[in-house]
């Protein structure tokens, strides 16, 4: 699989690095976001861990169930 064009981008900055040495974990804050408006129905790939990935599929609208 090859990523052709990004559907968006998040610019981030590290705001808390206290747990980096112990857990390799840090907190990021999104400072800017961008999305390509020309992409009408983008498919996304998600890393699930241990080398497993999932490609997003069918969109399901459940707004009527929201309160």
Protein backbone atom coordinates (compact mmCIF):
# COMPACT_ATOMS: atom_id res chain seq x y z
CA UNK A 1 0.00 0.00 0.00
CA UNK A 2 1.27 3.45 -0.86
CA UNK A 3 -0.08 6.72 0.51
CA UNK A 4 -0.75 8.95 -2.49
CA UNK A 5 -1.82 12.28 -1.01
CA UNK A 6 -2.53 13.24 2.60
CA UNK A 7 -6.13 14.04 3.51
CA UNK A 8 -5.01 16.38 6.27
CA UNK A 9 -2.32 17.33 8.71
CA UNK A 10 -2.01 18.16 12.40
CA UNK A 11 0.76 20.50 13.57
CA UNK A 12 1.64 19.66 17.17
CA UNK A 13 3.90 20.74 19.98
CA UNK A 14 5.03 18.73 22.99
CA UNK A 15 3.45 20.10 26.18
CA UNK A 16 4.45 17.41 28.71
CA UNK A 17 7.54 15.22 28.43
CA UNK A 18 7.81 14.07 32.06
CA UNK A 19 7.08 10.41 31.20
CA UNK A 20 9.42 10.12 28.21
CA UNK A 21 12.33 8.51 30.05
CA UNK A 22 10.21 5.94 31.89
CA UNK A 23 7.48 5.11 29.33
CA UNK A 24 8.53 6.79 26.05
CA UNK A 25 5.27 8.73 26.39
CA UNK A 26 4.61 12.42 25.92
CA UNK A 27 1.58 14.69 25.61
CA UNK A 28 1.08 16.71 22.43
CA UNK A 29 -1.14 19.71 21.80
CA UNK A 30 -2.52 20.32 18.32
CA UNK A 31 -1.71 23.91 17.37
CA UNK A 32 -2.95 23.86 13.77
CA UNK A 33 -5.06 21.52 11.65
CA UNK A 34 -5.50 21.26 7.89
CA UNK A 35 -7.75 19.11 5.71
CA UNK A 36 -7.78 18.82 1.92
CA UNK A 37 -11.27 20.02 0.91
CA UNK A 38 -10.98 18.33 -2.49
CA UNK A 39 -11.06 14.87 -0.88
CA UNK A 40 -14.78 14.05 -0.74
CA UNK A 41 -14.70 10.51 0.69
CA UNK A 42 -11.21 9.78 2.00
CA UNK A 43 -10.21 6.29 3.13
CA UNK A 44 -7.88 6.22 6.09
CA UNK A 45 -5.43 3.65 7.44
CA UNK A 46 -5.13 3.03 11.18
CA UNK A 47 -2.27 1.34 13.04
CA UNK A 48 -3.68 -1.17 15.52
CA UNK A 49 -0.35 -2.24 17.02
CA UNK A 50 2.05 -5.14 16.51
CA UNK A 51 2.26 -4.54 12.77
CA UNK A 52 -1.51 -4.70 12.22
CA UNK A 53 -3.32 -2.02 10.21
CA UNK A 54 -6.97 -1.39 9.37
CA UNK A 55 -8.31 0.43 6.33
CA UNK A 56 -11.46 2.39 7.05
CA UNK A 57 -14.46 1.20 5.10
CA UNK A 58 -18.13 1.98 4.82
CA UNK A 59 -19.39 5.16 6.49
CA UNK A 60 -22.37 4.66 8.78
CA UNK A 61 -24.52 7.66 9.75
CA UNK A 62 -25.86 7.35 13.30
CA UNK A 63 -26.74 10.98 14.03
CA UNK A 64 -30.33 10.00 14.78
CA UNK A 65 -29.07 8.02 17.80
CA UNK A 66 -27.17 10.99 19.25
CA UNK A 67 -28.71 12.96 22.09
